[in-house]
Amino acid sequence: MTPAQQRLQQALAAEHAAVYGYDVLGPRLAGAEQTAARNAEQAHRDRRDALTLALSKQQVTPVAAAPGYKLPHPVTDRASALRLAVSLEERTAQAWGAGLPALSTAQRTQAVEAISDCAVRATRWRRSAGITPTTVPFPGRP
């Protein structure tokens, strides 16, 4: 497996974890926030599916989703659900960001789009949660 394929596998694993996390936090939200969580989950599903297809086309077996994931904290209410949403977006952006040096130009474009999408969603979740600052410098960096 090439370094680029390894990095794409790591991004795929992060997308799997994000989908799982949104399944956990969604029921703790209501109204527009729950709709935003569903949309975020779908965005991560779409990226997961695109990565799975891209790796398969390269004759690489895509990493499978784990049956469960360790969450950074219990999700018991709206506040903890919003914190998890921020964490999911930050972690996914970091997984994509870690791959940038190893990726081709086309793959870098895909990674930068993923990082940007995660950064926008994380900012919105921080704003909903009342977390400041709402933005971070250099999204996708650890």
N, C-alpha and C. Protein backbone atom coordinates (compact mmCIF):
# COMPACT_ATOMS: atom_id res chain seq x y z
N MET A 1 0.85 -1.17 0.00
CA MET A 1 0.00 0.00 0.00
C MET A 1 0.90 1.24 0.00
N THR A 2 0.55 2.20 -0.84
CA THR A 2 1.35 3.43 -0.93
C THR A 2 1.06 4.34 0.28
N PRO A 3 1.96 5.30 0.53
CA PRO A 3 1.69 6.26 1.61
C PRO A 3 0.37 7.01 1.41
N ALA A 4 0.06 7.36 0.17
CA ALA A 4 -1.21 8.05 -0.10
C ALA A 4 -2.39 7.16 0.24
N GLN A 5 -2.31 5.90 -0.13
CA GLN A 5 -3.41 4.98 0.19
C GLN A 5 -3.56 4.79 1.69
N GLN A 6 -2.44 4.74 2.41
CA GLN A 6 -2.50 4.63 3.87
C GLN A 6 -3.20 5.85 4.48
N ARG A 7 -2.88 7.03 3.97
CA ARG A 7 -3.51 8.26 4.48
C ARG A 7 -4.99 8.30 4.14
N LEU A 8 -5.35 7.82 2.96
CA LEU A 8 -6.77 7.76 2.60
C LEU A 8 -7.50 6.76 3.50
N GLN A 9 -6.84 5.68 3.84
CA GLN A 9 -7.44 4.71 4.78
C GLN A 9 -7.69 5.38 6.14
N GLN A 10 -6.75 6.20 6.59
CA GLN A 10 -6.92 6.90 7.87
C GLN A 10 -8.09 7.89 7.79
N ALA A 11 -8.21 8.57 6.66
CA ALA A 11 -9.34 9.49 6.48
C ALA A 11 -10.65 8.70 6.46
N LEU A 12 -10.63 7.55 5.81
CA LEU A 12 -11.83 6.70 5.77
C LEU A 12 -12.21 6.25 7.17
N ALA A 13 -11.23 5.85 7.96
CA ALA A 13 -11.52 5.44 9.34
C ALA A 13 -12.15 6.60 10.13
N ALA A 14 -11.65 7.81 9.90
CA ALA A 14 -12.22 8.98 10.58
C ALA A 14 -13.65 9.24 10.12
N GLU A 15 -13.92 9.03 8.85
CA GLU A 15 -15.28 9.22 8.34
C GLU A 15 -16.22 8.18 8.95
N HIS A 16 -15.76 6.94 9.07
CA HIS A 16 -16.56 5.91 9.75
C HIS A 16 -16.90 6.34 11.17
N ALA A 17 -15.89 6.83 11.89
CA ALA A 17 -16.10 7.26 13.28
C ALA A 17 -17.07 8.43 13.36
N ALA A 18 -16.99 9.35 12.41
CA ALA A 18 -17.89 10.50 12.41
C ALA A 18 -19.34 10.05 12.20
N VAL A 19 -19.55 9.13 11.28
CA VAL A 19 -20.91 8.61 11.05
C VAL A 19 -21.44 7.99 12.34
N TYR A 20 -20.62 7.19 12.99
CA TYR A 20 -21.02 6.57 14.26
C TYR A 20 -21.37 7.63 15.30
N GLY A 21 -20.50 8.62 15.42
CA GLY A 21 -20.70 9.66 16.42
C GLY A 21 -21.98 10.45 16.21
N TYR A 22 -22.28 10.75 14.96
CA TYR A 22 -23.52 11.47 14.68
C TYR A 22 -24.75 10.62 14.99
N ASP A 23 -24.63 9.31 14.80
CA ASP A 23 -25.74 8.42 15.20
C ASP A 23 -25.98 8.50 16.71
N VAL A 24 -24.91 8.66 17.46
CA VAL A 24 -25.02 8.74 18.92
C VAL A 24 -25.59 10.09 19.37
N LEU A 25 -25.10 11.17 18.78
CA LEU A 25 -25.49 12.49 19.28
C LEU A 25 -26.82 13.00 18.74
N GLY A 26 -27.22 12.54 17.58
CA GLY A 26 -28.45 13.04 16.95
C GLY A 26 -29.68 13.04 17.83
N PRO A 27 -29.96 11.94 18.54
CA PRO A 27 -31.16 11.92 19.39
C PRO A 27 -31.14 12.92 20.54
N ARG A 28 -29.97 13.47 20.88
CA ARG A 28 -29.89 14.44 21.98
C ARG A 28 -30.16 15.87 21.51
N LEU A 29 -30.36 16.02 20.21
CA LEU A 29 -30.63 17.35 19.65
C LEU A 29 -32.07 17.41 19.16
N ALA A 30 -32.54 18.61 18.91
CA ALA A 30 -33.91 18.79 18.41
C ALA A 30 -33.93 19.89 17.36
N GLY A 31 -34.99 19.92 16.60
CA GLY A 31 -35.22 21.00 15.64
C GLY A 31 -34.11 21.17 14.63
N ALA A 32 -33.71 22.43 14.44
CA ALA A 32 -32.69 22.76 13.44
C ALA A 32 -31.35 22.09 13.73
N GLU A 33 -31.02 21.93 15.01
CA GLU A 33 -29.75 21.27 15.35
C GLU A 33 -29.78 19.80 14.96
N GLN A 34 -30.90 19.15 15.16
CA GLN A 34 -31.01 17.75 14.77
C GLN A 34 -30.93 17.61 13.24
N THR A 35 -31.56 18.54 12.53
CA THR A 35 -31.48 18.55 11.07
C THR A 35 -30.03 18.76 10.63
N ALA A 36 -29.33 19.68 11.27
CA ALA A 36 -27.92 19.92 10.94
C ALA A 36 -27.08 18.68 11.21
N ALA A 37 -27.39 17.97 12.29
CA ALA A 37 -26.66 16.73 12.60
C ALA A 37 -26.93 15.67 11.53
N ARG A 38 -28.17 15.56 11.09
CA ARG A 38 -28.48 14.59 10.03
C ARG A 38 -27.74 14.95 8.74
N ASN A 39 -27.71 16.24 8.42
CA ASN A 39 -26.99 16.68 7.22
C ASN A 39 -25.50 16.41 7.33
N ALA A 40 -24.94 16.65 8.51
CA ALA A 40 -23.51 16.38 8.72
C ALA A 40 -23.23 14.89 8.60
N GLU A 41 -24.09 14.08 9.20
CA GLU A 41 -23.91 12.63 9.09
C GLU A 41 -23.94 12.20 7.62
N GLN A 42 -24.88 12.75 6.86
CA GLN A 42 -24.96 12.39 5.44
C GLN A 42 -23.71 12.83 4.69
N ALA A 43 -23.19 14.00 5.01
CA ALA A 43 -21.96 14.47 4.36
C ALA A 43 -20.81 13.50 4.65
N HIS A 44 -20.71 13.03 5.88
CA HIS A 44 -19.66 12.07 6.22
C HIS A 44 -19.91 10.72 5.54
N ARG A 45 -21.16 10.31 5.43
CA ARG A 45 -21.48 9.07 4.70
C ARG A 45 -21.06 9.20 3.24
N ASP A 46 -21.35 10.34 2.64
CA ASP A 46 -20.99 10.56 1.23
C ASP A 46 -19.48 10.50 1.03
N ARG A 47 -18.72 11.15 1.92
CA ARG A 47 -17.26 11.10 1.81
C ARG A 47 -16.74 9.69 2.05
N ARG A 48 -17.33 9.01 3.04
CA ARG A 48 -16.95 7.63 3.32
C ARG A 48 -17.16 6.77 2.08
N ASP A 49 -18.32 6.91 1.45
CA ASP A 49 -18.63 6.11 0.27
C ASP A 49 -17.70 6.43 -0.89
N ALA A 50 -17.39 7.72 -1.07
CA ALA A 50 -16.48 8.12 -2.15
C ALA A 50 -15.08 7.56 -1.91
N LEU A 51 -14.62 7.60 -0.66
CA LEU A 51 -13.31 7.03 -0.33
C LEU A 51 -13.28 5.53 -0.53
N THR A 52 -14.35 4.87 -0.12
CA THR A 52 -14.44 3.41 -0.28
C THR A 52 -14.33 3.05 -1.76
N LEU A 53 -15.04 3.78 -2.60
CA LEU A 53 -15.01 3.52 -4.03
C LEU A 53 -13.62 3.81 -4.60
N ALA A 54 -13.03 4.94 -4.21
CA ALA A 54 -11.71 5.30 -4.73
C ALA A 54 -10.65 4.27 -4.36
N LEU A 55 -10.66 3.81 -3.12
CA LEU A 55 -9.69 2.80 -2.70
C LEU A 55 -9.94 1.48 -3.41
N SER A 56 -11.19 1.11 -3.57
CA SER A 56 -11.52 -0.14 -4.27
C SER A 56 -11.03 -0.10 -5.71
N LYS A 57 -11.16 1.05 -6.35
CA LYS A 57 -10.69 1.19 -7.74
C LYS A 57 -9.18 1.06 -7.83
N GLN A 58 -8.48 1.32 -6.71
CA GLN A 58 -7.03 1.18 -6.67
C GLN A 58 -6.61 -0.22 -6.21
N GLN A 59 -7.58 -1.14 -6.16
CA GLN A 59 -7.32 -2.51 -5.73
C GLN A 59 -6.88 -2.59 -4.27
N VAL A 60 -7.37 -1.67 -3.46
CA VAL A 60 -7.08 -1.64 -2.03
C VAL A 60 -8.37 -1.96 -1.29
N THR A 61 -8.30 -2.88 -0.34
CA THR A 61 -9.47 -3.19 0.47
C THR A 61 -9.68 -2.07 1.48
N PRO A 62 -10.81 -1.35 1.37
CA PRO A 62 -11.06 -0.24 2.29
C PRO A 62 -11.21 -0.72 3.73
N VAL A 63 -10.70 0.07 4.66
CA VAL A 63 -10.85 -0.25 6.07
C VAL A 63 -12.35 -0.27 6.40
N ALA A 64 -12.75 -1.26 7.16
CA ALA A 64 -14.16 -1.39 7.53
C ALA A 64 -14.46 -0.56 8.77
N ALA A 65 -15.71 -0.24 8.93
CA ALA A 65 -16.14 0.46 10.14
C ALA A 65 -16.02 -0.49 11.33
N ALA A 66 -15.65 0.06 12.45
CA ALA A 66 -15.62 -0.72 13.69
C ALA A 66 -17.05 -0.91 14.19
N PRO A 67 -17.29 -1.94 14.98
CA PRO A 67 -18.65 -2.13 15.51
C PRO A 67 -19.05 -1.03 16.49
N GLY A 68 -18.06 -0.35 17.05
CA GLY A 68 -18.32 0.75 17.98
C GLY A 68 -17.06 1.57 18.13
N TYR A 69 -17.20 2.77 18.67
CA TYR A 69 -16.07 3.67 18.83
C TYR A 69 -16.09 4.26 20.24
N LYS A 70 -14.91 4.47 20.80
CA LYS A 70 -14.80 5.10 22.11
C LYS A 70 -15.01 6.60 21.91
N LEU A 71 -15.99 7.12 22.60
CA LEU A 71 -16.28 8.55 22.50
C LEU A 71 -15.44 9.32 23.52
N PRO A 72 -15.13 10.58 23.24
CA PRO A 72 -14.29 11.35 24.16
C PRO A 72 -14.97 11.66 25.49
N HIS A 73 -16.29 11.55 25.53
CA HIS A 73 -17.05 11.80 26.75
C HIS A 73 -18.45 11.24 26.57
N PRO A 74 -19.16 10.99 27.66
CA PRO A 74 -20.54 10.50 27.54
C PRO A 74 -21.42 11.56 26.87
N VAL A 75 -22.40 11.09 26.12
CA VAL A 75 -23.34 12.00 25.47
C VAL A 75 -24.69 11.80 26.16
N THR A 76 -25.02 12.75 27.01
CA THR A 76 -26.22 12.61 27.83
C THR A 76 -27.24 13.71 27.63
N ASP A 77 -26.83 14.80 26.96
CA ASP A 77 -27.73 15.93 26.79
C ASP A 77 -27.28 16.76 25.58
N ARG A 78 -27.98 17.87 25.35
CA ARG A 78 -27.68 18.73 24.21
C ARG A 78 -26.23 19.23 24.27
N ALA A 79 -25.81 19.71 25.42
CA ALA A 79 -24.46 20.29 25.54
C ALA A 79 -23.38 19.27 25.21
N SER A 80 -23.51 18.06 25.72
CA SER A 80 -22.50 17.04 25.44
C SER A 80 -22.59 16.58 23.99
N ALA A 81 -23.78 16.59 23.40
CA ALA A 81 -23.93 16.25 21.99
C ALA A 81 -23.23 17.28 21.11
N LEU A 82 -23.38 18.55 21.44
CA LEU A 82 -22.73 19.60 20.66
C LEU A 82 -21.21 19.52 20.79
N ARG A 83 -20.71 19.23 21.99
CA ARG A 83 -19.26 19.06 22.17
C ARG A 83 -18.74 17.89 21.33
N LEU A 84 -19.52 16.81 21.28
CA LEU A 84 -19.11 15.67 20.47
C LEU A 84 -19.09 16.04 18.99
N ALA A 85 -20.08 16.79 18.54
CA ALA A 85 -20.11 17.20 17.13
C ALA A 85 -18.85 18.00 16.78
N VAL A 86 -18.46 18.91 17.65
CA VAL A 86 -17.23 19.69 17.43
C VAL A 86 -16.04 18.74 17.35
N SER A 87 -15.95 17.82 18.27
CA SER A 87 -14.84 16.87 18.31
C SER A 87 -14.78 16.01 17.06
N LEU A 88 -15.93 15.53 16.61
CA LEU A 88 -15.97 14.70 15.40
C LEU A 88 -15.43 15.46 14.20
N GLU A 89 -15.85 16.70 14.06
CA GLU A 89 -15.40 17.50 12.92
C GLU A 89 -13.91 17.81 13.01
N GLU A 90 -13.44 18.13 14.22
CA GLU A 90 -12.01 18.42 14.38
C GLU A 90 -11.17 17.18 14.09
N ARG A 91 -11.57 16.04 14.61
CA ARG A 91 -10.80 14.81 14.40
C ARG A 91 -10.79 14.40 12.93
N THR A 92 -11.93 14.55 12.27
CA THR A 92 -12.00 14.18 10.86
C THR A 92 -11.13 15.12 10.03
N ALA A 93 -11.18 16.40 10.33
CA ALA A 93 -10.33 17.37 9.62
C ALA A 93 -8.85 17.03 9.83
N GLN A 94 -8.49 16.64 11.04
CA GLN A 94 -7.10 16.28 11.33
C GLN A 94 -6.66 15.05 10.54
N ALA A 95 -7.55 14.09 10.40
CA ALA A 95 -7.21 12.88 9.62
C ALA A 95 -6.96 13.25 8.17
N TRP A 96 -7.79 14.11 7.63
CA TRP A 96 -7.58 14.55 6.24
C TRP A 96 -6.31 15.40 6.15
N GLY A 97 -6.10 16.28 7.11
CA GLY A 97 -4.93 17.15 7.07
C GLY A 97 -3.62 16.39 7.15
N ALA A 98 -3.61 15.31 7.92
CA ALA A 98 -2.39 14.51 8.05
C ALA A 98 -1.97 13.89 6.73
N GLY A 99 -2.91 13.69 5.85
CA GLY A 99 -2.60 13.05 4.58
C GLY A 99 -2.09 13.98 3.50
N LEU A 100 -2.23 15.27 3.67
CA LEU A 100 -1.92 16.21 2.60
C LEU A 100 -0.55 16.00 1.95
N PRO A 101 0.54 15.84 2.71
CA PRO A 101 1.85 15.71 2.06
C PRO A 101 1.97 14.48 1.16
N ALA A 102 1.23 13.43 1.45
CA ALA A 102 1.38 12.18 0.69
C ALA A 102 0.44 12.09 -0.51
N LEU A 103 -0.51 13.00 -0.62
CA LEU A 103 -1.55 12.87 -1.63
C LEU A 103 -1.19 13.52 -2.95
N SER A 104 -1.81 13.02 -4.02
CA SER A 104 -1.67 13.62 -5.34
C SER A 104 -2.44 14.94 -5.36
N THR A 105 -2.28 15.70 -6.43
CA THR A 105 -2.98 16.98 -6.53
C THR A 105 -4.48 16.81 -6.44
N ALA A 106 -5.03 15.85 -7.16
CA ALA A 106 -6.49 15.63 -7.13
C ALA A 106 -6.93 15.19 -5.73
N GLN A 107 -6.14 14.34 -5.11
CA GLN A 107 -6.48 13.88 -3.76
C GLN A 107 -6.36 15.02 -2.75
N ARG A 108 -5.37 15.90 -2.95
CA ARG A 108 -5.23 17.06 -2.06
C ARG A 108 -6.44 17.97 -2.16
N THR A 109 -6.94 18.13 -3.37
CA THR A 109 -8.14 18.95 -3.56
C THR A 109 -9.29 18.36 -2.77
N GLN A 110 -9.45 17.05 -2.86
CA GLN A 110 -10.50 16.36 -2.10
C GLN A 110 -10.28 16.55 -0.60
N ALA A 111 -9.05 16.44 -0.15
CA ALA A 111 -8.74 16.59 1.28
C ALA A 111 -9.01 18.01 1.77
N VAL A 112 -8.62 19.00 0.99
CA VAL A 112 -8.85 20.39 1.38
C VAL A 112 -10.35 20.68 1.44
N GLU A 113 -11.11 20.13 0.51
CA GLU A 113 -12.57 20.30 0.56
C GLU A 113 -13.13 19.67 1.83
N ALA A 114 -12.64 18.49 2.18
CA ALA A 114 -13.11 17.81 3.39
C ALA A 114 -12.75 18.63 4.64
N ILE A 115 -11.52 19.13 4.69
CA ILE A 115 -11.09 19.95 5.83
C ILE A 115 -11.96 21.20 5.94
N SER A 116 -12.20 21.85 4.81
CA SER A 116 -13.03 23.06 4.82
C SER A 116 -14.44 22.77 5.30
N ASP A 117 -15.02 21.69 4.79
CA ASP A 117 -16.38 21.31 5.22
C ASP A 117 -16.42 21.04 6.72
N CYS A 118 -15.43 20.30 7.21
CA CYS A 118 -15.37 20.01 8.65
C CYS A 118 -15.21 21.28 9.46
N ALA A 119 -14.37 22.20 8.98
CA ALA A 119 -14.13 23.45 9.71
C ALA A 119 -15.40 24.28 9.80
N VAL A 120 -16.15 24.34 8.71
CA VAL A 120 -17.40 25.10 8.72
C VAL A 120 -18.40 24.48 9.70
N ARG A 121 -18.53 23.15 9.63
CA ARG A 121 -19.47 22.50 10.55
C ARG A 121 -19.02 22.67 12.00
N ALA A 122 -17.72 22.52 12.26
CA ALA A 122 -17.22 22.68 13.64
C ALA A 122 -17.50 24.09 14.15
N THR A 123 -17.33 25.09 13.29
CA THR A 123 -17.61 26.47 13.69
C THR A 123 -19.08 26.64 14.04
N ARG A 124 -19.95 26.07 13.23
CA ARG A 124 -21.39 26.17 13.51
C ARG A 124 -21.74 25.47 14.82
N TRP A 125 -21.13 24.30 15.04
CA TRP A 125 -21.41 23.58 16.30
C TRP A 125 -20.88 24.36 17.50
N ARG A 126 -19.70 24.96 17.37
CA ARG A 126 -19.16 25.76 18.47
C ARG A 126 -20.09 26.93 18.78
N ARG A 127 -20.57 27.58 17.73
CA ARG A 127 -21.49 28.70 17.93
C ARG A 127 -22.75 28.24 18.64
N SER A 128 -23.33 27.12 18.22
CA SER A 128 -24.53 26.58 18.87
C SER A 128 -24.27 26.25 20.33
N ALA A 129 -23.07 25.76 20.61
CA ALA A 129 -22.73 25.35 21.98
C ALA A 129 -22.27 26.52 22.85
N GLY A 130 -22.04 27.67 22.23
CA GLY A 130 -21.53 28.81 23.00
C GLY A 130 -20.06 28.69 23.31
N ILE A 131 -19.33 27.90 22.51
CA ILE A 131 -17.89 27.71 22.71
C ILE A 131 -17.14 28.83 21.99
N THR A 132 -16.21 29.45 22.70
CA THR A 132 -15.39 30.48 22.07
C THR A 132 -13.92 30.10 22.21
N PRO A 133 -13.09 30.45 21.27
CA PRO A 133 -13.48 31.08 20.01
C PRO A 133 -14.23 30.08 19.12
N THR A 134 -15.02 30.61 18.21
CA THR A 134 -15.81 29.72 17.35
C THR A 134 -14.98 29.14 16.22
N THR A 135 -13.87 29.80 15.90
CA THR A 135 -13.01 29.29 14.83
C THR A 135 -11.64 28.96 15.40
N VAL A 136 -10.91 28.15 14.67
CA VAL A 136 -9.55 27.81 15.06
C VAL A 136 -8.62 28.11 13.90
N PRO A 137 -7.38 28.52 14.20
CA PRO A 137 -6.44 28.73 13.11
C PRO A 137 -6.01 27.38 12.53
N PHE A 138 -5.87 27.33 11.25
CA PHE A 138 -5.36 26.14 10.58
C PHE A 138 -6.16 24.88 10.87
N PRO A 139 -7.44 24.85 10.50
CA PRO A 139 -8.22 23.62 10.71
C PRO A 139 -7.52 22.44 10.04
N GLY A 140 -7.61 21.30 10.66
CA GLY A 140 -6.99 20.10 10.11
C GLY A 140 -5.61 19.83 10.68
N ARG A 141 -5.09 20.76 11.46
CA ARG A 141 -3.81 20.53 12.12
C ARG A 141 -4.06 20.02 13.52
N PRO A 142 -3.21 19.12 13.98
CA PRO A 142 -3.39 18.60 15.36
C PRO A 142 -3.18 19.67 16.42
